[in-house]
Amino acid sequence: MEELQMLLENFWILRDDRENFNKIRDAENKIKPFVEEKLGYRLIINPYIIKLEKVPSDVEEWMGIDAFQMPMDYAFLCLLLAFLEDKGPEDQFVLSNITEYIEAQYDGPDKVDWTLFQHRKSLVRVLNFAVDIGIIKIDDGDHERFSESEDTEVLYENTGISRYFLRSFNREITEDMKIEDFLQEDLNFSNSKDAVIQKRHRVYRKLILSPAVYSEGPDDQDFMYIKNYRNTIVKDLEEYLDAKLHLHKTSAFVLFNDNKYLKSYFP
């Protein structure tokens, strides 16, 4: 099902991509059973975006935003999202508005200093990502020049979709929360606290989002689930993703057929 493949490969589908946007919206009733029952994911469809909230079962080193290079990049992205909260669609602002807000709000180990190339370059990476993903538009100027001069000015426009970037949680996020708490919170949100259903969601997520699933020993319940429910998993993968399950003694792989929607491959 190419619509599901598009959702898995892309962070979201914007309304500007009219053809694929309508194609996925029309296939909603076909996609939802697999997305909700097997993956436990939320499918967001509104007049502006279509987004499958893809949460991994485990956090791995290769996950993250490819263009980002340091923790400051992620901090700046969060502050940019906070800055945009008070902006309406089509509201304009300039680069200095962003830098002033970040400088005032940043609470990292080092103070933001825009005279430092490293700090300016970090913000440029964030702005490039924000433009690429569609949460802001450039109306005039080039923020790449900010890498060379802190006096660079650029005119931006808010698209209004930044509000859909972050996932919502059932409880307040506190400083003592660990990564495992976020993952468990998502499993709890998937309409069931039943351990068997949560295991199904966890296993399907591993198979589809990870390059490979390896057995951690004879007591690995997730790998045992793959072996016990192999026929069901094979049927689901073929029906919804045109993919095949390769199951070995201590490893499992999902192999996708070549198609125009896949952007990256492993290995």
Protein backbone atom coordinates (compact mmCIF):
# COMPACT_ATOMS: atom_id res chain seq x y z
CA MET A 1 0.00 0.00 0.00
CA GLU A 2 1.90 3.02 -1.30
CA GLU A 3 0.00 5.47 0.92
CA LEU A 4 1.29 3.78 4.07
CA GLN A 5 4.81 3.66 2.65
CA MET A 6 4.69 7.42 2.10
CA LEU A 7 3.61 7.98 5.71
CA LEU A 8 6.41 5.79 7.04
CA GLU A 9 9.08 7.43 4.89
CA ASN A 10 8.07 11.07 5.44
CA PHE A 11 7.76 13.08 8.63
CA TRP A 12 4.42 14.37 7.34
CA ILE A 13 2.58 15.14 4.12
CA LEU A 14 1.65 18.78 3.62
CA ARG A 15 -1.45 20.09 1.90
CA ASP A 16 0.80 21.69 -0.74
CA ASP A 17 1.54 18.16 -1.96
CA ARG A 18 -2.03 17.97 -3.20
CA GLU A 19 -1.80 14.69 -5.11
CA ASN A 20 -0.31 12.60 -2.31
CA PHE A 21 -2.32 14.46 0.36
CA ASN A 22 -5.60 13.49 -1.30
CA LYS A 23 -4.39 9.98 -2.06
CA ILE A 24 -3.61 9.28 1.59
CA ARG A 25 -6.78 10.93 2.85
CA ASP A 26 -8.86 8.75 0.53
CA ALA A 27 -7.06 5.64 1.81
CA GLU A 28 -7.52 6.50 5.50
CA ASN A 29 -9.97 3.67 6.21
CA LYS A 30 -7.62 1.12 4.65
CA ILE A 31 -4.56 2.37 6.51
CA LYS A 32 -6.01 2.82 9.99
CA PRO A 33 -6.56 -0.86 10.94
CA PHE A 34 -2.87 -1.68 10.51
CA VAL A 35 -1.62 1.60 11.96
CA GLU A 36 -3.76 1.45 15.09
CA GLU A 37 -4.07 -2.28 15.77
CA LYS A 38 -0.58 -3.47 14.85
CA LEU A 39 1.60 -0.40 15.42
CA GLY A 40 -0.45 1.49 18.01
CA TYR A 41 0.26 4.76 16.18
CA ARG A 42 -1.83 7.89 15.86
CA LEU A 43 -2.72 9.01 12.36
CA ILE A 44 -3.38 12.75 12.25
CA ILE A 45 -5.41 14.02 9.30
CA ASN A 46 -6.55 17.63 9.17
CA PRO A 47 -6.89 20.31 6.46
CA TYR A 48 -3.18 21.20 6.73
CA ILE A 49 -1.14 18.04 7.26
CA ILE A 50 -1.29 14.26 7.37
CA LYS A 51 1.09 12.82 9.92
CA LEU A 52 1.78 9.33 11.20
CA GLU A 53 3.37 9.75 14.62
CA LYS A 54 6.16 7.21 14.35
CA VAL A 55 7.59 6.34 17.75
CA PRO A 56 10.30 3.66 17.96
CA SER A 57 10.16 0.80 20.42
CA ASP A 58 13.78 1.43 21.41
CA VAL A 59 16.06 4.44 21.10
CA GLU A 60 19.12 3.79 18.94
CA GLU A 61 22.23 5.84 18.17
CA TRP A 62 21.39 6.35 14.51
CA MET A 63 18.08 8.04 15.25
CA GLY A 64 17.76 11.81 15.15
CA ILE A 65 17.75 14.63 12.61
CA ASP A 66 20.46 13.92 10.05
CA ALA A 67 21.49 17.54 9.58
CA PHE A 68 21.93 18.22 13.31
CA GLN A 69 25.41 17.87 14.78
CA MET A 70 25.22 18.89 18.44
CA PRO A 71 22.74 19.11 21.35
CA MET A 72 22.51 22.88 20.86
CA ASP A 73 20.83 22.27 17.49
CA TYR A 74 17.97 20.45 19.18
CA ALA A 75 17.70 23.11 21.89
CA PHE A 76 17.48 25.84 19.25
CA LEU A 77 14.79 23.88 17.40
CA CYS A 78 12.69 23.63 20.57
CA LEU A 79 13.08 27.36 21.16
CA LEU A 80 12.12 28.12 17.56
CA LEU A 81 8.95 26.06 18.03
CA ALA A 82 8.21 27.98 21.23
CA PHE A 83 8.81 31.27 19.41
CA LEU A 84 6.32 30.28 16.71
CA GLU A 85 3.58 29.43 19.22
CA ASP A 86 2.52 33.08 19.41
CA LYS A 87 2.58 33.54 15.64
CA GLY A 88 -0.43 33.06 13.40
CA PRO A 89 -0.33 31.68 9.86
CA GLU A 90 1.31 34.14 7.44
CA ASP A 91 2.70 36.27 10.30
CA GLN A 92 6.08 37.69 9.35
CA PHE A 93 9.18 38.10 11.48
CA VAL A 94 12.89 38.68 11.00
CA LEU A 95 15.95 36.69 11.96
CA SER A 96 16.88 39.10 14.74
CA ASN A 97 13.52 38.37 16.41
CA ILE A 98 14.54 34.71 16.59
CA THR A 99 18.08 35.35 17.81
CA GLU A 100 16.88 37.71 20.54
CA TYR A 101 14.28 35.19 21.71
CA ILE A 102 16.75 32.31 21.77
CA GLU A 103 19.38 34.37 23.57
CA ALA A 104 16.85 35.29 26.27
CA GLN A 105 15.32 31.83 26.69
CA TYR A 106 18.23 29.42 26.20
CA ASP A 107 19.03 27.53 29.40
CA GLY A 108 21.95 25.38 28.31
CA PRO A 109 25.34 24.94 29.98
CA ASP A 110 26.85 27.80 27.95
CA LYS A 111 25.38 31.20 27.25
CA VAL A 112 24.40 31.83 23.63
CA ASP A 113 26.95 34.07 21.96
CA TRP A 114 26.14 35.02 18.38
CA THR A 115 29.70 36.25 17.86
CA LEU A 116 30.74 32.58 17.88
CA PHE A 117 30.67 30.85 14.49
CA GLN A 118 29.66 27.55 16.09
CA HIS A 119 26.51 29.06 17.62
CA ARG A 120 25.53 30.86 14.43
CA LYS A 121 26.10 27.72 12.37
CA SER A 122 23.94 25.73 14.78
CA LEU A 123 21.04 28.12 14.24
CA VAL A 124 21.52 28.01 10.46
CA ARG A 125 21.17 24.23 10.55
CA VAL A 126 17.93 24.59 12.51
CA LEU A 127 16.55 27.24 10.15
CA ASN A 128 17.38 25.10 7.12
CA PHE A 129 15.55 22.18 8.70
CA ALA A 130 12.56 24.37 9.57
CA VAL A 131 12.30 25.61 5.99
CA ASP A 132 12.76 22.13 4.50
CA ILE A 133 10.06 20.61 6.68
CA GLY A 134 7.67 23.47 6.01
CA ILE A 135 7.15 25.22 9.34
CA ILE A 136 8.57 28.55 8.10
CA LYS A 137 9.09 30.20 4.71
CA ILE A 138 11.75 32.66 3.58
CA ASP A 139 10.20 35.81 2.13
CA ASP A 140 13.44 37.73 1.64
CA GLY A 141 17.12 37.16 2.33
CA ASP A 142 19.46 34.22 2.87
CA HIS A 143 20.14 32.95 6.38
CA GLU A 144 23.22 31.03 5.19
CA ARG A 145 24.99 34.40 5.40
CA PHE A 146 24.33 34.40 9.15
CA SER A 147 27.15 31.86 9.42
CA GLU A 148 29.57 34.59 8.32
CA SER A 149 27.98 37.66 9.91
CA GLU A 150 25.75 38.07 12.94
CA ASP A 151 24.32 41.25 11.38
CA THR A 152 22.56 39.29 8.63
CA GLU A 153 18.82 39.89 8.44
CA VAL A 154 16.20 37.64 6.84
CA LEU A 155 12.43 38.00 6.53
CA TYR A 156 10.41 34.88 7.36
CA GLU A 157 6.77 33.86 7.28
CA ASN A 158 5.08 31.44 9.68
CA THR A 159 3.13 28.66 7.96
CA GLY A 160 1.09 27.77 11.04
CA ILE A 161 1.90 24.05 11.07
CA SER A 162 4.63 24.11 13.72
CA ARG A 163 1.92 23.32 16.30
CA TYR A 164 1.71 19.80 14.86
CA PHE A 165 5.45 19.11 15.07
CA LEU A 166 5.59 17.83 18.64
CA ARG A 167 3.51 14.98 19.99
CA SER A 168 1.06 15.61 22.81
CA PHE A 169 1.31 13.72 26.09
CA ASN A 170 -1.21 12.71 28.71
CA ARG A 171 0.90 14.15 31.51
CA GLU A 172 3.21 17.04 32.14
CA ILE A 173 6.81 16.61 31.04
CA THR A 174 9.16 16.91 34.00
CA GLU A 175 12.93 17.16 34.26
CA ASP A 176 13.24 13.73 35.91
CA MET A 177 11.59 11.88 32.99
CA LYS A 178 13.82 9.43 31.16
CA ILE A 179 13.67 8.31 27.53
CA GLU A 180 12.04 5.06 28.63
CA ASP A 181 9.22 7.08 30.23
CA PHE A 182 8.41 8.72 26.89
CA LEU A 183 8.36 5.37 25.09
CA GLN A 184 6.13 3.79 27.72
CA GLU A 185 3.86 6.83 27.70
CA ASP A 186 3.29 6.30 23.99
CA LEU A 187 2.48 2.61 24.47
CA ASN A 188 0.02 3.55 27.21
CA PHE A 189 -1.59 6.06 24.86
CA SER A 190 -2.25 3.38 22.25
CA ASN A 191 -5.65 2.64 23.83
CA SER A 192 -4.52 -0.39 25.78
CA LYS A 193 -2.50 -1.18 28.87
CA ASP A 194 -2.78 -4.88 28.05
CA ALA A 195 0.74 -6.37 28.04
CA VAL A 196 0.05 -8.61 25.03
CA ILE A 197 -1.19 -5.72 22.89
CA GLN A 198 1.73 -3.53 23.94
CA LYS A 199 4.12 -6.32 22.99
CA ARG A 200 2.50 -6.55 19.55
CA HIS A 201 2.89 -2.82 19.03
CA ARG A 202 6.49 -2.93 20.23
CA VAL A 203 7.43 -5.84 17.94
CA TYR A 204 5.83 -4.39 14.81
CA ARG A 205 7.55 -1.07 15.46
CA LYS A 206 10.92 -2.80 15.78
CA LEU A 207 10.44 -4.71 12.55
CA ILE A 208 9.30 -1.74 10.49
CA LEU A 209 11.48 1.08 11.88
CA SER A 210 14.74 -0.75 12.60
CA PRO A 211 17.17 -2.13 9.99
CA ALA A 212 17.19 -5.45 11.85
CA VAL A 213 15.83 -7.10 14.98
CA TYR A 214 18.26 -9.34 16.84
CA SER A 215 17.45 -11.91 19.49
CA GLU A 216 18.82 -11.00 22.91
CA GLY A 217 18.75 -14.62 24.07
CA PRO A 218 16.35 -17.53 24.64
CA ASP A 219 14.21 -15.44 26.99
CA ASP A 220 13.71 -12.56 24.54
CA GLN A 221 9.92 -12.29 24.54
CA ASP A 222 9.77 -9.92 21.57
CA PHE A 223 11.79 -12.22 19.33
CA MET A 224 9.73 -15.16 20.51
CA TYR A 225 6.61 -13.23 19.46
CA ILE A 226 8.03 -12.87 15.94
CA LYS A 227 8.58 -16.62 15.73
CA ASN A 228 5.19 -17.54 17.18
CA TYR A 229 3.21 -15.11 15.02
CA ARG A 230 5.35 -15.37 11.92
CA ASN A 231 2.48 -16.23 9.55
CA THR A 232 0.36 -13.29 10.72
CA ILE A 233 3.28 -10.88 10.46
CA VAL A 234 4.13 -12.14 6.96
CA LYS A 235 0.53 -11.62 5.84
CA ASP A 236 0.37 -8.10 7.31
CA LEU A 237 3.66 -7.02 5.75
CA GLU A 238 2.71 -8.30 2.32
CA GLU A 239 -0.80 -6.82 2.42
CA TYR A 240 0.00 -3.37 3.79
CA LEU A 241 3.62 -2.72 2.80
CA ASP A 242 4.42 -5.08 -0.06
CA ALA A 243 7.33 -6.26 2.08
CA LYS A 244 8.72 -9.62 3.11
CA LEU A 245 9.84 -10.96 6.49
CA HIS A 246 13.16 -12.77 6.58
CA LEU A 247 13.39 -14.68 9.85
CA HIS A 248 16.56 -16.41 10.93
CA LYS A 249 17.67 -18.14 14.10
CA THR A 250 18.79 -14.99 15.90
CA SER A 251 17.68 -12.17 13.61
CA ALA A 252 14.71 -10.84 11.65
CA PHE A 253 14.61 -8.41 8.73
CA VAL A 254 11.84 -6.70 6.78
CA LEU A 255 12.78 -6.25 3.13
CA PHE A 256 10.86 -3.71 1.08
CA ASN A 257 10.47 -3.93 -2.66
CA ASP A 258 11.99 -1.03 -4.57
CA ASN A 259 9.56 1.84 -4.99
CA LYS A 260 9.67 5.56 -5.68
CA TYR A 261 8.75 6.57 -2.12
CA LEU A 262 11.74 5.08 -0.31
CA LYS A 263 14.55 7.59 0.24
CA SER A 264 17.20 5.56 2.05
CA TYR A 265 18.32 1.99 2.28
CA PHE A 266 20.20 -0.19 4.74
CA PRO A 267 22.88 -1.28 4.14
